[in-house]
ModelCIF file with pLDDT and N, C-alpha, C, O atoms, coordinates in Angstrom:
data_MODEL
#
_entry.id   MODEL 
#
_entity.id                         1 
_entity.type                       polymer 
_entity.pdbx_number_of_molecules   1 
#
_entity_poly.entity_id                      1 
_entity_poly.type                           'polypeptide(L)' 
_entity_poly.nstd_linkage                   no 
_entity_poly.nstd_monomer                   no 
_entity_poly.pdbx_seq_one_letter_code       SNTKALGILLYTKYLYPLEIAAAILLVGMIAAIALTLRHRK 
_entity_poly.pdbx_seq_one_letter_code_can   SNTKALGILLYTKYLYPLEIAAAILLVGMIAAIALTLRHRK 
_entity_poly.pdbx_strand_id                 A 
#
loop_
_entity_poly_seq.entity_id 
_entity_poly_seq.num 
_entity_poly_seq.mon_id 
_entity_poly_seq.hetero 
1 1  SER n 
1 2  ASN n 
1 3  THR n 
1 4  LYS n 
1 5  ALA n 
1 6  LEU n 
1 7  GLY n 
1 8  ILE n 
1 9  LEU n 
1 10 LEU n 
1 11 TYR n 
1 12 THR n 
1 13 LYS n 
1 14 TYR n 
1 15 LEU n 
1 16 TYR n 
1 17 PRO n 
1 18 LEU n 
1 19 GLU n 
1 20 ILE n 
1 21 ALA n 
1 22 ALA n 
1 23 ALA n 
1 24 ILE n 
1 25 LEU n 
1 26 LEU n 
1 27 VAL n 
1 28 GLY n 
1 29 MET n 
1 30 ILE n 
1 31 ALA n 
1 32 ALA n 
1 33 ILE n 
1 34 ALA n 
1 35 LEU n 
1 36 THR n 
1 37 LEU n 
1 38 ARG n 
1 39 HIS n 
1 40 ARG n 
1 41 LYS n 
#
_struct_asym.id          A 
_struct_asym.entity_id   1 
#
loop_
_ma_qa_metric.id 
_ma_qa_metric.mode 
_ma_qa_metric.name 
_ma_qa_metric.software_group_id 
_ma_qa_metric.type 
1 global pLDDT . pLDDT 
2 local  pLDDT . pLDDT 
#
_ma_qa_metric_global.metric_id      1 
_ma_qa_metric_global.metric_value   85.73 
_ma_qa_metric_global.model_id       1 
_ma_qa_metric_global.ordinal_id     1 
#
loop_
_ma_qa_metric_local.label_asym_id 
_ma_qa_metric_local.label_comp_id 
_ma_qa_metric_local.label_seq_id 
_ma_qa_metric_local.metric_id 
_ma_qa_metric_local.metric_value 
_ma_qa_metric_local.model_id 
_ma_qa_metric_local.ordinal_id 
A SER 1  2 74.00 1 1  
A ASN 2  2 75.00 1 2  
A THR 3  2 78.00 1 3  
A LYS 4  2 82.00 1 4  
A ALA 5  2 81.00 1 5  
A LEU 6  2 81.00 1 6  
A GLY 7  2 83.00 1 7  
A ILE 8  2 86.00 1 8  
A LEU 9  2 85.00 1 9  
A LEU 10 2 84.00 1 10 
A TYR 11 2 86.00 1 11 
A THR 12 2 88.00 1 12 
A LYS 13 2 88.00 1 13 
A TYR 14 2 89.00 1 14 
A LEU 15 2 90.00 1 15 
A TYR 16 2 93.00 1 16 
A PRO 17 2 91.00 1 17 
A LEU 18 2 90.00 1 18 
A GLU 19 2 93.00 1 19 
A ILE 20 2 95.00 1 20 
A ALA 21 2 93.00 1 21 
A ALA 22 2 93.00 1 22 
A ALA 23 2 95.00 1 23 
A ILE 24 2 96.00 1 24 
A LEU 25 2 92.00 1 25 
A LEU 26 2 95.00 1 26 
A VAL 27 2 95.00 1 27 
A GLY 28 2 92.00 1 28 
A MET 29 2 91.00 1 29 
A ILE 30 2 93.00 1 30 
A ALA 31 2 91.00 1 31 
A ALA 32 2 86.00 1 32 
A ILE 33 2 86.00 1 33 
A ALA 34 2 86.00 1 34 
A LEU 35 2 84.00 1 35 
A THR 36 2 78.00 1 36 
A LEU 37 2 76.00 1 37 
A ARG 38 2 72.00 1 38 
A HIS 39 2 69.00 1 39 
A ARG 40 2 69.00 1 40 
A LYS 41 2 71.00 1 41 
#
loop_
_atom_site.group_PDB 
_atom_site.id 
_atom_site.type_symbol 
_atom_site.label_atom_id 
_atom_site.label_alt_id 
_atom_site.label_comp_id 
_atom_site.label_asym_id 
_atom_site.label_entity_id 
_atom_site.label_seq_id 
_atom_site.pdbx_PDB_ins_code 
_atom_site.Cartn_x 
_atom_site.Cartn_y 
_atom_site.Cartn_z 
_atom_site.occupancy 
_atom_site.B_iso_or_equiv 
_atom_site.pdbx_formal_charge 
_atom_site.auth_seq_id 
_atom_site.auth_comp_id 
_atom_site.auth_asym_id 
_atom_site.auth_atom_id 
_atom_site.pdbx_PDB_model_num 
ATOM 1   N N  . SER A 1 1  ? 7.881  -1.789 18.767  1.00 74.00 ? 1  SER A N  1 
ATOM 2   C CA . SER A 1 1  ? 7.016  -2.795 18.172  1.00 74.00 ? 1  SER A CA 1 
ATOM 3   C C  . SER A 1 1  ? 7.749  -3.520 17.050  1.00 74.00 ? 1  SER A C  1 
ATOM 4   O O  . SER A 1 1  ? 8.867  -3.162 16.680  1.00 74.00 ? 1  SER A O  1 
ATOM 5   N N  . ASN A 1 2  ? 7.102  -4.533 16.528  1.00 75.00 ? 2  ASN A N  1 
ATOM 6   C CA . ASN A 1 2  ? 7.705  -5.309 15.454  1.00 75.00 ? 2  ASN A CA 1 
ATOM 7   C C  . ASN A 1 2  ? 7.889  -4.461 14.200  1.00 75.00 ? 2  ASN A C  1 
ATOM 8   O O  . ASN A 1 2  ? 8.906  -4.570 13.515  1.00 75.00 ? 2  ASN A O  1 
ATOM 9   N N  . THR A 1 3  ? 6.901  -3.615 13.901  1.00 78.00 ? 3  THR A N  1 
ATOM 10  C CA . THR A 1 3  ? 6.998  -2.773 12.708  1.00 78.00 ? 3  THR A CA 1 
ATOM 11  C C  . THR A 1 3  ? 8.105  -1.739 12.839  1.00 78.00 ? 3  THR A C  1 
ATOM 12  O O  . THR A 1 3  ? 8.861  -1.513 11.894  1.00 78.00 ? 3  THR A O  1 
ATOM 13  N N  . LYS A 1 4  ? 8.206  -1.107 14.014  1.00 82.00 ? 4  LYS A N  1 
ATOM 14  C CA . LYS A 1 4  ? 9.263  -0.123 14.223  1.00 82.00 ? 4  LYS A CA 1 
ATOM 15  C C  . LYS A 1 4  ? 10.640 -0.772 14.196  1.00 82.00 ? 4  LYS A C  1 
ATOM 16  O O  . LYS A 1 4  ? 11.587 -0.198 13.658  1.00 82.00 ? 4  LYS A O  1 
ATOM 17  N N  . ALA A 1 5  ? 10.755 -1.948 14.766  1.00 81.00 ? 5  ALA A N  1 
ATOM 18  C CA . ALA A 1 5  ? 12.041 -2.645 14.737  1.00 81.00 ? 5  ALA A CA 1 
ATOM 19  C C  . ALA A 1 5  ? 12.452 -3.000 13.315  1.00 81.00 ? 5  ALA A C  1 
ATOM 20  O O  . ALA A 1 5  ? 13.622 -2.884 12.952  1.00 81.00 ? 5  ALA A O  1 
ATOM 21  N N  . LEU A 1 6  ? 11.479 -3.436 12.506  1.00 81.00 ? 6  LEU A N  1 
ATOM 22  C CA . LEU A 1 6  ? 11.784 -3.740 11.115  1.00 81.00 ? 6  LEU A CA 1 
ATOM 23  C C  . LEU A 1 6  ? 12.191 -2.484 10.353  1.00 81.00 ? 6  LEU A C  1 
ATOM 24  O O  . LEU A 1 6  ? 13.102 -2.524 9.526   1.00 81.00 ? 6  LEU A O  1 
ATOM 25  N N  . GLY A 1 7  ? 11.512 -1.363 10.632  1.00 83.00 ? 7  GLY A N  1 
ATOM 26  C CA . GLY A 1 7  ? 11.890 -0.110 9.987   1.00 83.00 ? 7  GLY A CA 1 
ATOM 27  C C  . GLY A 1 7  ? 13.279 0.348  10.382  1.00 83.00 ? 7  GLY A C  1 
ATOM 28  O O  . GLY A 1 7  ? 14.019 0.868  9.548   1.00 83.00 ? 7  GLY A O  1 
ATOM 29  N N  . ILE A 1 8  ? 13.647 0.162  11.646  1.00 86.00 ? 8  ILE A N  1 
ATOM 30  C CA . ILE A 1 8  ? 14.993 0.534  12.093  1.00 86.00 ? 8  ILE A CA 1 
ATOM 31  C C  . ILE A 1 8  ? 16.046 -0.300 11.375  1.00 86.00 ? 8  ILE A C  1 
ATOM 32  O O  . ILE A 1 8  ? 17.084 0.224  10.971  1.00 86.00 ? 8  ILE A O  1 
ATOM 33  N N  . LEU A 1 9  ? 15.787 -1.588 11.216  1.00 85.00 ? 9  LEU A N  1 
ATOM 34  C CA . LEU A 1 9  ? 16.742 -2.447 10.516  1.00 85.00 ? 9  LEU A CA 1 
ATOM 35  C C  . LEU A 1 9  ? 16.852 -2.082 9.041   1.00 85.00 ? 9  LEU A C  1 
ATOM 36  O O  . LEU A 1 9  ? 17.949 -2.074 8.483   1.00 85.00 ? 9  LEU A O  1 
ATOM 37  N N  . LEU A 1 10 ? 15.723 -1.780 8.410   1.00 84.00 ? 10 LEU A N  1 
ATOM 38  C CA . LEU A 1 10 ? 15.756 -1.476 6.981   1.00 84.00 ? 10 LEU A CA 1 
ATOM 39  C C  . LEU A 1 10 ? 16.495 -0.171 6.690   1.00 84.00 ? 10 LEU A C  1 
ATOM 40  O O  . LEU A 1 10 ? 17.249 -0.086 5.721   1.00 84.00 ? 10 LEU A O  1 
ATOM 41  N N  . TYR A 1 11 ? 16.281 0.844  7.525   1.00 86.00 ? 11 TYR A N  1 
ATOM 42  C CA . TYR A 1 11 ? 16.827 2.170  7.236   1.00 86.00 ? 11 TYR A CA 1 
ATOM 43  C C  . TYR A 1 11 ? 18.130 2.460  7.970   1.00 86.00 ? 11 TYR A C  1 
ATOM 44  O O  . TYR A 1 11 ? 18.614 3.591  7.941   1.00 86.00 ? 11 TYR A O  1 
ATOM 45  N N  . THR A 1 12 ? 18.699 1.462  8.623   1.00 88.00 ? 12 THR A N  1 
ATOM 46  C CA . THR A 1 12 ? 20.025 1.628  9.232   1.00 88.00 ? 12 THR A CA 1 
ATOM 47  C C  . THR A 1 12 ? 21.004 0.586  8.707   1.00 88.00 ? 12 THR A C  1 
ATOM 48  O O  . THR A 1 12 ? 21.957 0.917  8.002   1.00 88.00 ? 12 THR A O  1 
ATOM 49  N N  . LYS A 1 13 ? 20.766 -0.660 9.051   1.00 88.00 ? 13 LYS A N  1 
ATOM 50  C CA . LYS A 1 13 ? 21.705 -1.714 8.660   1.00 88.00 ? 13 LYS A CA 1 
ATOM 51  C C  . LYS A 1 13 ? 21.567 -2.106 7.202   1.00 88.00 ? 13 LYS A C  1 
ATOM 52  O O  . LYS A 1 13 ? 22.561 -2.400 6.539   1.00 88.00 ? 13 LYS A O  1 
ATOM 53  N N  . TYR A 1 14 ? 20.329 -2.113 6.693   1.00 89.00 ? 14 TYR A N  1 
ATOM 54  C CA . TYR A 1 14 ? 20.077 -2.551 5.310   1.00 89.00 ? 14 TYR A CA 1 
ATOM 55  C C  . TYR A 1 14 ? 19.627 -1.384 4.431   1.00 89.00 ? 14 TYR A C  1 
ATOM 56  O O  . TYR A 1 14 ? 18.796 -1.570 3.543   1.00 89.00 ? 14 TYR A O  1 
ATOM 57  N N  . LEU A 1 15 ? 20.160 -0.194 4.662   1.00 90.00 ? 15 LEU A N  1 
ATOM 58  C CA . LEU A 1 15 ? 19.746 0.972  3.889   1.00 90.00 ? 15 LEU A CA 1 
ATOM 59  C C  . LEU A 1 15 ? 20.196 0.873  2.433   1.00 90.00 ? 15 LEU A C  1 
ATOM 60  O O  . LEU A 1 15 ? 19.399 1.105  1.523   1.00 90.00 ? 15 LEU A O  1 
ATOM 61  N N  . TYR A 1 16 ? 21.463 0.532  2.203   1.00 93.00 ? 16 TYR A N  1 
ATOM 62  C CA . TYR A 1 16 ? 21.969 0.458  0.826   1.00 93.00 ? 16 TYR A CA 1 
ATOM 63  C C  . TYR A 1 16 ? 21.310 -0.671 0.022   1.00 93.00 ? 16 TYR A C  1 
ATOM 64  O O  . TYR A 1 16 ? 20.953 -0.440 -1.134  1.00 93.00 ? 16 TYR A O  1 
ATOM 65  N N  . PRO A 1 17 ? 21.133 -1.872 0.572   1.00 91.00 ? 17 PRO A N  1 
ATOM 66  C CA . PRO A 1 17 ? 20.360 -2.887 -0.195  1.00 91.00 ? 17 PRO A CA 1 
ATOM 67  C C  . PRO A 1 17 ? 18.931 -2.453 -0.494  1.00 91.00 ? 17 PRO A C  1 
ATOM 68  O O  . PRO A 1 17 ? 18.391 -2.782 -1.550  1.00 91.00 ? 17 PRO A O  1 
ATOM 69  N N  . LEU A 1 18 ? 18.304 -1.706 0.442   1.00 90.00 ? 18 LEU A N  1 
ATOM 70  C CA . LEU A 1 18 ? 16.944 -1.217 0.197   1.00 90.00 ? 18 LEU A CA 1 
ATOM 71  C C  . LEU A 1 18 ? 16.923 -0.213 -0.949  1.00 90.00 ? 18 LEU A C  1 
ATOM 72  O O  . LEU A 1 18 ? 16.025 -0.258 -1.789  1.00 90.00 ? 18 LEU A O  1 
ATOM 73  N N  . GLU A 1 19 ? 17.886 0.680  -0.995  1.00 93.00 ? 19 GLU A N  1 
ATOM 74  C CA . GLU A 1 19 ? 17.943 1.661  -2.078  1.00 93.00 ? 19 GLU A CA 1 
ATOM 75  C C  . GLU A 1 19 ? 18.254 0.987  -3.417  1.00 93.00 ? 19 GLU A C  1 
ATOM 76  O O  . GLU A 1 19 ? 17.708 1.377  -4.449  1.00 93.00 ? 19 GLU A O  1 
ATOM 77  N N  . ILE A 1 20 ? 19.115 -0.007 -3.404  1.00 95.00 ? 20 ILE A N  1 
ATOM 78  C CA . ILE A 1 20 ? 19.417 -0.740 -4.645  1.00 95.00 ? 20 ILE A CA 1 
ATOM 79  C C  . ILE A 1 20 ? 18.175 -1.468 -5.154  1.00 95.00 ? 20 ILE A C  1 
ATOM 80  O O  . ILE A 1 20 ? 17.899 -1.461 -6.354  1.00 95.00 ? 20 ILE A O  1 
ATOM 81  N N  . ALA A 1 21 ? 17.424 -2.097 -4.241  1.00 93.00 ? 21 ALA A N  1 
ATOM 82  C CA . ALA A 1 21 ? 16.194 -2.783 -4.644  1.00 93.00 ? 21 ALA A CA 1 
ATOM 83  C C  . ALA A 1 21 ? 15.172 -1.800 -5.193  1.00 93.00 ? 21 ALA A C  1 
ATOM 84  O O  . ALA A 1 21 ? 14.483 -2.104 -6.167  1.00 93.00 ? 21 ALA A O  1 
ATOM 85  N N  . ALA A 1 22 ? 15.065 -0.614 -4.576  1.00 93.00 ? 22 ALA A N  1 
ATOM 86  C CA . ALA A 1 22 ? 14.134 0.399  -5.073  1.00 93.00 ? 22 ALA A CA 1 
ATOM 87  C C  . ALA A 1 22 ? 14.543 0.882  -6.464  1.00 93.00 ? 22 ALA A C  1 
ATOM 88  O O  . ALA A 1 22 ? 13.686 1.092  -7.322  1.00 93.00 ? 22 ALA A O  1 
ATOM 89  N N  . ALA A 1 23 ? 15.849 1.058  -6.694  1.00 95.00 ? 23 ALA A N  1 
ATOM 90  C CA . ALA A 1 23 ? 16.321 1.485  -8.022  1.00 95.00 ? 23 ALA A CA 1 
ATOM 91  C C  . ALA A 1 23 ? 16.050 0.410  -9.076  1.00 95.00 ? 23 ALA A C  1 
ATOM 92  O O  . ALA A 1 23 ? 15.686 0.729  -10.208 1.00 95.00 ? 23 ALA A O  1 
ATOM 93  N N  . ILE A 1 24 ? 16.227 -0.861 -8.710  1.00 96.00 ? 24 ILE A N  1 
ATOM 94  C CA . ILE A 1 24 ? 15.961 -1.952 -9.655  1.00 96.00 ? 24 ILE A CA 1 
ATOM 95  C C  . ILE A 1 24 ? 14.481 -2.008 -10.013 1.00 96.00 ? 24 ILE A C  1 
ATOM 96  O O  . ILE A 1 24 ? 14.124 -2.212 -11.173 1.00 96.00 ? 24 ILE A O  1 
ATOM 97  N N  . LEU A 1 25 ? 13.615 -1.825 -9.006  1.00 92.00 ? 25 LEU A N  1 
ATOM 98  C CA . LEU A 1 25 ? 12.175 -1.811 -9.286  1.00 92.00 ? 25 LEU A CA 1 
ATOM 99  C C  . LEU A 1 25 ? 11.786 -0.628 -10.161 1.00 92.00 ? 25 LEU A C  1 
ATOM 100 O O  . LEU A 1 25 ? 10.917 -0.756 -11.024 1.00 92.00 ? 25 LEU A O  1 
ATOM 101 N N  . LEU A 1 26 ? 12.420 0.524  -9.948  1.00 95.00 ? 26 LEU A N  1 
ATOM 102 C CA . LEU A 1 26 ? 12.125 1.694  -10.775 1.00 95.00 ? 26 LEU A CA 1 
ATOM 103 C C  . LEU A 1 26 ? 12.560 1.460  -12.222 1.00 95.00 ? 26 LEU A C  1 
ATOM 104 O O  . LEU A 1 26 ? 11.843 1.819  -13.156 1.00 95.00 ? 26 LEU A O  1 
ATOM 105 N N  . VAL A 1 27 ? 13.736 0.859  -12.403 1.00 95.00 ? 27 VAL A N  1 
ATOM 106 C CA . VAL A 1 27 ? 14.199 0.554  -13.761 1.00 95.00 ? 27 VAL A CA 1 
ATOM 107 C C  . VAL A 1 27 ? 13.277 -0.454 -14.436 1.00 95.00 ? 27 VAL A C  1 
ATOM 108 O O  . VAL A 1 27 ? 12.974 -0.324 -15.622 1.00 95.00 ? 27 VAL A O  1 
ATOM 109 N N  . GLY A 1 28 ? 12.828 -1.462 -13.682 1.00 92.00 ? 28 GLY A N  1 
ATOM 110 C CA . GLY A 1 28 ? 11.899 -2.434 -14.244 1.00 92.00 ? 28 GLY A CA 1 
ATOM 111 C C  . GLY A 1 28 ? 10.572 -1.819 -14.638 1.00 92.00 ? 28 GLY A C  1 
ATOM 112 O O  . GLY A 1 28 ? 10.006 -2.182 -15.669 1.00 92.00 ? 28 GLY A O  1 
ATOM 113 N N  . MET A 1 29 ? 10.065 -0.893 -13.837 1.00 91.00 ? 29 MET A N  1 
ATOM 114 C CA . MET A 1 29 ? 8.810  -0.228 -14.169 1.00 91.00 ? 29 MET A CA 1 
ATOM 115 C C  . MET A 1 29 ? 8.952  0.615  -15.430 1.00 91.00 ? 29 MET A C  1 
ATOM 116 O O  . MET A 1 29 ? 8.080  0.587  -16.299 1.00 91.00 ? 29 MET A O  1 
ATOM 117 N N  . ILE A 1 30 ? 10.061 1.375  -15.534 1.00 93.00 ? 30 ILE A N  1 
ATOM 118 C CA . ILE A 1 30 ? 10.283 2.197  -16.724 1.00 93.00 ? 30 ILE A CA 1 
ATOM 119 C C  . ILE A 1 30 ? 10.468 1.310  -17.960 1.00 93.00 ? 30 ILE A C  1 
ATOM 120 O O  . ILE A 1 30 ? 9.976  1.641  -19.038 1.00 93.00 ? 30 ILE A O  1 
ATOM 121 N N  . ALA A 1 31 ? 11.175 0.185  -17.808 1.00 91.00 ? 31 ALA A N  1 
ATOM 122 C CA . ALA A 1 31 ? 11.371 -0.722 -18.938 1.00 91.00 ? 31 ALA A CA 1 
ATOM 123 C C  . ALA A 1 31 ? 10.060 -1.341 -19.397 1.00 91.00 ? 31 ALA A C  1 
ATOM 124 O O  . ALA A 1 31 ? 9.840  -1.507 -20.597 1.00 91.00 ? 31 ALA A O  1 
ATOM 125 N N  . ALA A 1 32 ? 9.184  -1.686 -18.453 1.00 86.00 ? 32 ALA A N  1 
ATOM 126 C CA . ALA A 1 32 ? 7.883  -2.245 -18.828 1.00 86.00 ? 32 ALA A CA 1 
ATOM 127 C C  . ALA A 1 32 ? 7.046  -1.232 -19.588 1.00 86.00 ? 32 ALA A C  1 
ATOM 128 O O  . ALA A 1 32 ? 6.374  -1.583 -20.557 1.00 86.00 ? 32 ALA A O  1 
ATOM 129 N N  . ILE A 1 33 ? 7.081  0.030  -19.156 1.00 86.00 ? 33 ILE A N  1 
ATOM 130 C CA . ILE A 1 33 ? 6.327  1.073  -19.864 1.00 86.00 ? 33 ILE A CA 1 
ATOM 131 C C  . ILE A 1 33 ? 6.901  1.303  -21.256 1.00 86.00 ? 33 ILE A C  1 
ATOM 132 O O  . ILE A 1 33 ? 6.154  1.478  -22.219 1.00 86.00 ? 33 ILE A O  1 
ATOM 133 N N  . ALA A 1 34 ? 8.243  1.302  -21.365 1.00 86.00 ? 34 ALA A N  1 
ATOM 134 C CA . ALA A 1 34 ? 8.876  1.534  -22.667 1.00 86.00 ? 34 ALA A CA 1 
ATOM 135 C C  . ALA A 1 34 ? 8.617  0.392  -23.641 1.00 86.00 ? 34 ALA A C  1 
ATOM 136 O O  . ALA A 1 34 ? 8.466  0.623  -24.841 1.00 86.00 ? 34 ALA A O  1 
ATOM 137 N N  . LEU A 1 35 ? 8.566  -0.839 -23.138 1.00 84.00 ? 35 LEU A N  1 
ATOM 138 C CA . LEU A 1 35 ? 8.337  -1.986 -24.029 1.00 84.00 ? 35 LEU A CA 1 
ATOM 139 C C  . LEU A 1 35 ? 6.902  -2.054 -24.524 1.00 84.00 ? 35 LEU A C  1 
ATOM 140 O O  . LEU A 1 35 ? 6.655  -2.484 -25.651 1.00 84.00 ? 35 LEU A O  1 
ATOM 141 N N  . THR A 1 36 ? 5.953  -1.634 -23.693 1.00 78.00 ? 36 THR A N  1 
ATOM 142 C CA . THR A 1 36 ? 4.540  -1.709 -24.087 1.00 78.00 ? 36 THR A CA 1 
ATOM 143 C C  . THR A 1 36 ? 4.050  -0.465 -24.808 1.00 78.00 ? 36 THR A C  1 
ATOM 144 O O  . THR A 1 36 ? 2.936  -0.467 -25.331 1.00 78.00 ? 36 THR A O  1 
ATOM 145 N N  . LEU A 1 37 ? 4.843  0.593  -24.852 1.00 76.00 ? 37 LEU A N  1 
ATOM 146 C CA . LEU A 1 37 ? 4.422  1.826  -25.504 1.00 76.00 ? 37 LEU A CA 1 
ATOM 147 C C  . LEU A 1 37 ? 4.650  1.717  -27.005 1.00 76.00 ? 37 LEU A C  1 
ATOM 148 O O  . LEU A 1 37 ? 5.782  1.530  -27.451 1.00 76.00 ? 37 LEU A O  1 
ATOM 149 N N  . ARG A 1 38 ? 3.618  1.829  -27.756 1.00 72.00 ? 38 ARG A N  1 
ATOM 150 C CA . ARG A 1 38 ? 3.695  1.735  -29.215 1.00 72.00 ? 38 ARG A CA 1 
ATOM 151 C C  . ARG A 1 38 ? 2.961  2.914  -29.835 1.00 72.00 ? 38 ARG A C  1 
ATOM 152 O O  . ARG A 1 38 ? 1.866  3.274  -29.405 1.00 72.00 ? 38 ARG A O  1 
ATOM 153 N N  . HIS A 1 39 ? 3.582  3.515  -30.857 1.00 69.00 ? 39 HIS A N  1 
ATOM 154 C CA . HIS A 1 39 ? 2.956  4.607  -31.587 1.00 69.00 ? 39 HIS A CA 1 
ATOM 155 C C  . HIS A 1 39 ? 2.379  4.050  -32.888 1.00 69.00 ? 39 HIS A C  1 
ATOM 156 O O  . HIS A 1 39 ? 3.120  3.703  -33.808 1.00 69.00 ? 39 HIS A O  1 
ATOM 157 N N  . ARG A 1 40 ? 1.080  3.970  -32.953 1.00 69.00 ? 40 ARG A N  1 
ATOM 158 C CA . ARG A 1 40 ? 0.407  3.458  -34.143 1.00 69.00 ? 40 ARG A CA 1 
ATOM 159 C C  . ARG A 1 40 ? 0.185  4.593  -35.133 1.00 69.00 ? 40 ARG A C  1 
ATOM 160 O O  . ARG A 1 40 ? -0.228 5.692  -34.762 1.00 69.00 ? 40 ARG A O  1 
ATOM 161 N N  . LYS A 1 41 ? 0.469  4.304  -36.399 1.00 71.00 ? 41 LYS A N  1 
ATOM 162 C CA . LYS A 1 41 ? 0.323  5.323  -37.430 1.00 71.00 ? 41 LYS A CA 1 
ATOM 163 C C  . LYS A 1 41 ? -1.120 5.440  -37.927 1.00 71.00 ? 41 LYS A C  1 
ATOM 164 O O  . LYS A 1 41 ? -1.408 6.259  -38.800 1.00 71.00 ? 41 LYS A O  1 
#
């Protein structure tokens, strides 16, 4: 099917770009949490 074919392409030919994109999104999420976290006295 179309979904299975897309999954085969993502996890075979484009595996490293997919992992790099996932790492960038994880860093962005952690950075957003760190920037908005404030300790009020």
